[in-house]
């Protein structure tokens, strides 16, 4: 029983990351809201995905654009798998053909930067969003 308790406590500490406010939950005021959608989603001409969209699917019109806004200084490169999207510029993608593409990167687990005398946290977690281009 003690072993299970110790493992549970360790797991909770790992999930807690480096403290409160680990990853921003959405876009800054005035930006497009996250475009999370279910399997029956409509299509959009402009989509902004953030850390809050991790693991979600979004739908996009062909010739529509996807902007990726992830925390981090600098943010890790975003990779694209599939042929439905083409990179227009860093963190901006355009739908080029009907199909599916996966955007992937990493996001910091902890808020940054650490304050003076604070502990620097280098933990990251995988991030990915599936984009369905119609």
C-alpha atoms as a PDB file:
ATOM      1  CA  UNK A   1       0.000   0.000   0.000  1.00  0.00           C
ATOM      2  CA  UNK A   2       2.867   2.381   0.783  1.00  0.00           C
ATOM      3  CA  UNK A   3       4.380   1.774  -2.641  1.00  0.00           C
ATOM      4  CA  UNK A   4       1.101   2.673  -4.367  1.00  0.00           C
ATOM      5  CA  UNK A   5       0.753   5.830  -2.295  1.00  0.00           C
ATOM      6  CA  UNK A   6       4.315   6.862  -3.144  1.00  0.00           C
ATOM      7  CA  UNK A   7       3.744   6.224  -6.842  1.00  0.00           C
ATOM      8  CA  UNK A   8       0.492   8.209  -6.769  1.00  0.00           C
ATOM      9  CA  UNK A   9       2.171  11.156  -5.044  1.00  0.00           C
ATOM     10  CA  UNK A  10       5.051  11.095  -7.543  1.00  0.00           C
ATOM     11  CA  UNK A  11       2.588  11.021 -10.455  1.00  0.00           C
ATOM     12  CA  UNK A  12       0.691  14.002  -9.049  1.00  0.00           C
ATOM     13  CA  UNK A  13       3.904  15.962  -8.652  1.00  0.00           C
ATOM     14  CA  UNK A  14       4.914  15.211 -12.237  1.00  0.00           C
ATOM     15  CA  UNK A  15       1.492  16.238 -13.561  1.00  0.00           C
ATOM     16  CA  UNK A  16       1.607  19.466 -11.557  1.00  0.00           C
ATOM     17  CA  UNK A  17       4.573  20.630 -13.631  1.00  0.00           C
ATOM     18  CA  UNK A  18       6.357  23.655 -12.262  1.00  0.00           C
ATOM     19  CA  UNK A  19       3.462  25.448 -10.663  1.00  0.00           C
ATOM     20  CA  UNK A  20       0.300  27.378 -11.441  1.00  0.00           C
ATOM     21  CA  UNK A  21      -0.213  29.139 -14.735  1.00  0.00           C
ATOM     22  CA  UNK A  22       1.773  26.559 -16.661  1.00  0.00           C
ATOM     23  CA  UNK A  23       0.424  27.074 -20.187  1.00  0.00           C
ATOM     24  CA  UNK A  24      -1.800  29.932 -21.334  1.00  0.00           C
ATOM     25  CA  UNK A  25      -5.327  28.670 -21.980  1.00  0.00           C
ATOM     26  CA  UNK A  26      -6.043  30.667 -25.108  1.00  0.00           C
ATOM     27  CA  UNK A  27      -5.258  33.587 -27.342  1.00  0.00           C
ATOM     28  CA  UNK A  28      -4.522  37.102 -26.164  1.00  0.00           C
ATOM     29  CA  UNK A  29      -7.473  39.527 -26.066  1.00  0.00           C
ATOM     30  CA  UNK A  30      -8.511  40.655 -29.522  1.00  0.00           C
ATOM     31  CA  UNK A  31      -7.234  37.531 -31.310  1.00  0.00           C
ATOM     32  CA  UNK A  32      -9.260  34.818 -32.988  1.00  0.00           C
ATOM     33  CA  UNK A  33     -10.596  32.293 -30.486  1.00  0.00           C
ATOM     34  CA  UNK A  34      -9.255  28.726 -30.535  1.00  0.00           C
ATOM     35  CA  UNK A  35     -10.918  26.738 -33.286  1.00  0.00           C
ATOM     36  CA  UNK A  36     -11.410  23.388 -31.570  1.00  0.00           C
ATOM     37  CA  UNK A  37     -14.123  21.361 -33.190  1.00  0.00           C
ATOM     38  CA  UNK A  38     -15.636  17.932 -33.197  1.00  0.00           C
ATOM     39  CA  UNK A  39     -15.773  15.486 -36.089  1.00  0.00           C
ATOM     40  CA  UNK A  40     -18.848  17.213 -37.585  1.00  0.00           C
ATOM     41  CA  UNK A  41     -17.287  20.675 -37.643  1.00  0.00           C
ATOM     42  CA  UNK A  42     -17.975  23.242 -40.331  1.00  0.00           C
ATOM     43  CA  UNK A  43     -15.194  24.854 -42.281  1.00  0.00           C
ATOM     44  CA  UNK A  44     -13.473  28.167 -41.640  1.00  0.00           C
ATOM     45  CA  UNK A  45     -11.355  30.439 -43.788  1.00  0.00           C
ATOM     46  CA  UNK A  46      -9.103  31.512 -40.904  1.00  0.00           C
ATOM     47  CA  UNK A  47      -8.222  29.462 -37.829  1.00  0.00           C
ATOM     48  CA  UNK A  48      -5.916  30.210 -34.905  1.00  0.00           C
ATOM     49  CA  UNK A  49      -4.749  27.226 -32.864  1.00  0.00           C
ATOM     50  CA  UNK A  50      -3.127  27.546 -29.440  1.00  0.00           C
ATOM     51  CA  UNK A  51      -1.794  25.288 -26.697  1.00  0.00           C
ATOM     52  CA  UNK A  52      -5.420  24.840 -25.569  1.00  0.00           C
ATOM     53  CA  UNK A  53      -6.206  23.053 -28.857  1.00  0.00           C
ATOM     54  CA  UNK A  54      -3.758  20.206 -28.157  1.00  0.00           C
ATOM     55  CA  UNK A  55      -5.181  16.917 -29.430  1.00  0.00           C
ATOM     56  CA  UNK A  56      -8.144  18.528 -31.204  1.00  0.00           C
ATOM     57  CA  UNK A  57      -9.357  18.491 -34.804  1.00  0.00           C
ATOM     58  CA  UNK A  58     -10.128  21.683 -36.704  1.00  0.00           C
ATOM     59  CA  UNK A  59     -11.722  22.110 -40.128  1.00  0.00           C
ATOM     60  CA  UNK A  60     -10.528  24.517 -42.779  1.00  0.00           C
ATOM     61  CA  UNK A  61     -11.685  25.602 -46.228  1.00  0.00           C
ATOM     62  CA  UNK A  62      -9.254  24.912 -49.033  1.00  0.00           C
ATOM     63  CA  UNK A  63      -7.205  28.114 -49.437  1.00  0.00           C
ATOM     64  CA  UNK A  64      -8.008  29.016 -45.793  1.00  0.00           C
ATOM     65  CA  UNK A  65      -5.214  29.740 -43.297  1.00  0.00           C
ATOM     66  CA  UNK A  66      -4.140  28.274 -39.963  1.00  0.00           C
ATOM     67  CA  UNK A  67      -2.058  30.399 -37.585  1.00  0.00           C
ATOM     68  CA  UNK A  68      -0.219  28.585 -34.777  1.00  0.00           C
ATOM     69  CA  UNK A  69       0.271  30.569 -31.545  1.00  0.00           C
ATOM     70  CA  UNK A  70       2.227  28.580 -28.998  1.00  0.00           C
ATOM     71  CA  UNK A  71       3.979  29.852 -25.868  1.00  0.00           C
ATOM     72  CA  UNK A  72       7.736  29.651 -25.574  1.00  0.00           C
ATOM     73  CA  UNK A  73      10.726  31.793 -26.280  1.00  0.00           C
ATOM     74  CA  UNK A  74      11.456  30.860 -28.925  1.00  0.00           C
ATOM     75  CA  UNK A  75       8.638  28.465 -29.751  1.00  0.00           C
ATOM     76  CA  UNK A  76       9.802  25.120 -31.090  1.00  0.00           C
ATOM     77  CA  UNK A  77       9.418  24.636 -34.838  1.00  0.00           C
ATOM     78  CA  UNK A  78       6.061  23.316 -35.991  1.00  0.00           C
ATOM     79  CA  UNK A  79       6.177  20.264 -38.235  1.00  0.00           C
ATOM     80  CA  UNK A  80       3.508  19.365 -40.788  1.00  0.00           C
ATOM     81  CA  UNK A  81       2.644  15.872 -41.932  1.00  0.00           C
ATOM     82  CA  UNK A  82       0.298  15.313 -44.833  1.00  0.00           C
ATOM     83  CA  UNK A  83      -0.183  17.262 -48.062  1.00  0.00           C
ATOM     84  CA  UNK A  84      -3.348  19.230 -47.218  1.00  0.00           C
ATOM     85  CA  UNK A  85      -1.395  22.227 -45.822  1.00  0.00           C
ATOM     86  CA  UNK A  86       1.534  24.264 -47.113  1.00  0.00           C
ATOM     87  CA  UNK A  87       3.688  26.568 -44.987  1.00  0.00           C
ATOM     88  CA  UNK A  88       3.234  30.242 -45.973  1.00  0.00           C
ATOM     89  CA  UNK A  89       5.571  31.613 -43.305  1.00  0.00           C
ATOM     90  CA  UNK A  90       6.696  30.605 -39.827  1.00  0.00           C
ATOM     91  CA  UNK A  91       3.617  29.406 -37.914  1.00  0.00           C
ATOM     92  CA  UNK A  92       1.224  30.240 -40.800  1.00  0.00           C
ATOM     93  CA  UNK A  93      -0.185  27.519 -43.069  1.00  0.00           C
ATOM     94  CA  UNK A  94      -2.620  27.497 -46.001  1.00  0.00           C
ATOM     95  CA  UNK A  95      -4.976  24.758 -47.114  1.00  0.00           C
ATOM     96  CA  UNK A  96      -3.876  23.554 -50.555  1.00  0.00           C
ATOM     97  CA  UNK A  97      -5.857  20.359 -51.126  1.00  0.00           C
ATOM     98  CA  UNK A  98      -8.650  18.387 -49.555  1.00  0.00           C
ATOM     99  CA  UNK A  99      -7.360  15.983 -46.947  1.00  0.00           C
ATOM    100  CA  UNK A 100      -5.834  15.854 -43.497  1.00  0.00           C
ATOM    101  CA  UNK A 101      -2.631  17.290 -42.068  1.00  0.00           C
ATOM    102  CA  UNK A 102      -1.156  17.137 -38.573  1.00  0.00           C
ATOM    103  CA  UNK A 103       0.635  20.125 -37.036  1.00  0.00           C
ATOM    104  CA  UNK A 104       3.015  19.104 -34.244  1.00  0.00           C
ATOM    105  CA  UNK A 105       5.415  20.836 -31.870  1.00  0.00           C
ATOM    106  CA  UNK A 106       6.195  21.067 -28.177  1.00  0.00           C
ATOM    107  CA  UNK A 107       5.000  23.560 -25.584  1.00  0.00           C
ATOM    108  CA  UNK A 108       6.568  24.475 -22.243  1.00  0.00           C
ATOM    109  CA  UNK A 109       4.962  22.928 -19.191  1.00  0.00           C
ATOM    110  CA  UNK A 110       5.950  25.807 -16.932  1.00  0.00           C
ATOM    111  CA  UNK A 111       5.330  29.519 -17.097  1.00  0.00           C
ATOM    112  CA  UNK A 112       8.321  31.452 -18.352  1.00  0.00           C
ATOM    113  CA  UNK A 113      10.451  33.333 -17.779  1.00  0.00           C
ATOM    114  CA  UNK A 114      11.351  32.508 -14.197  1.00  0.00           C
ATOM    115  CA  UNK A 115      11.604  35.529 -11.928  1.00  0.00           C
ATOM    116  CA  UNK A 116      14.880  36.658 -10.418  1.00  0.00           C
ATOM    117  CA  UNK A 117      16.245  33.873  -8.245  1.00  0.00           C
ATOM    118  CA  UNK A 118      13.540  31.527  -9.550  1.00  0.00           C
ATOM    119  CA  UNK A 119      14.109  27.997 -10.712  1.00  0.00           C
ATOM    120  CA  UNK A 120      14.186  27.631 -14.477  1.00  0.00           C
ATOM    121  CA  UNK A 121      11.966  24.866 -15.771  1.00  0.00           C
ATOM    122  CA  UNK A 122      12.871  23.207 -19.063  1.00  0.00           C
ATOM    123  CA  UNK A 123       9.997  20.710 -19.162  1.00  0.00           C
ATOM    124  CA  UNK A 124       8.011  20.475 -22.413  1.00  0.00           C
ATOM    125  CA  UNK A 125       5.067  18.414 -23.577  1.00  0.00           C
ATOM    126  CA  UNK A 126       4.064  17.221 -27.034  1.00  0.00           C
ATOM    127  CA  UNK A 127       1.435  19.272 -28.895  1.00  0.00           C
ATOM    128  CA  UNK A 128      -0.491  18.369 -32.030  1.00  0.00           C
ATOM    129  CA  UNK A 129      -3.596  19.466 -33.906  1.00  0.00           C
ATOM    130  CA  UNK A 130      -5.210  17.621 -36.813  1.00  0.00           C
ATOM    131  CA  UNK A 131      -6.449  19.911 -39.593  1.00  0.00           C
ATOM    132  CA  UNK A 132      -9.114  18.647 -41.967  1.00  0.00           C
ATOM    133  CA  UNK A 133      -9.111  20.631 -45.210  1.00  0.00           C
ATOM    134  CA  UNK A 134     -12.345  20.473 -47.239  1.00  0.00           C
END
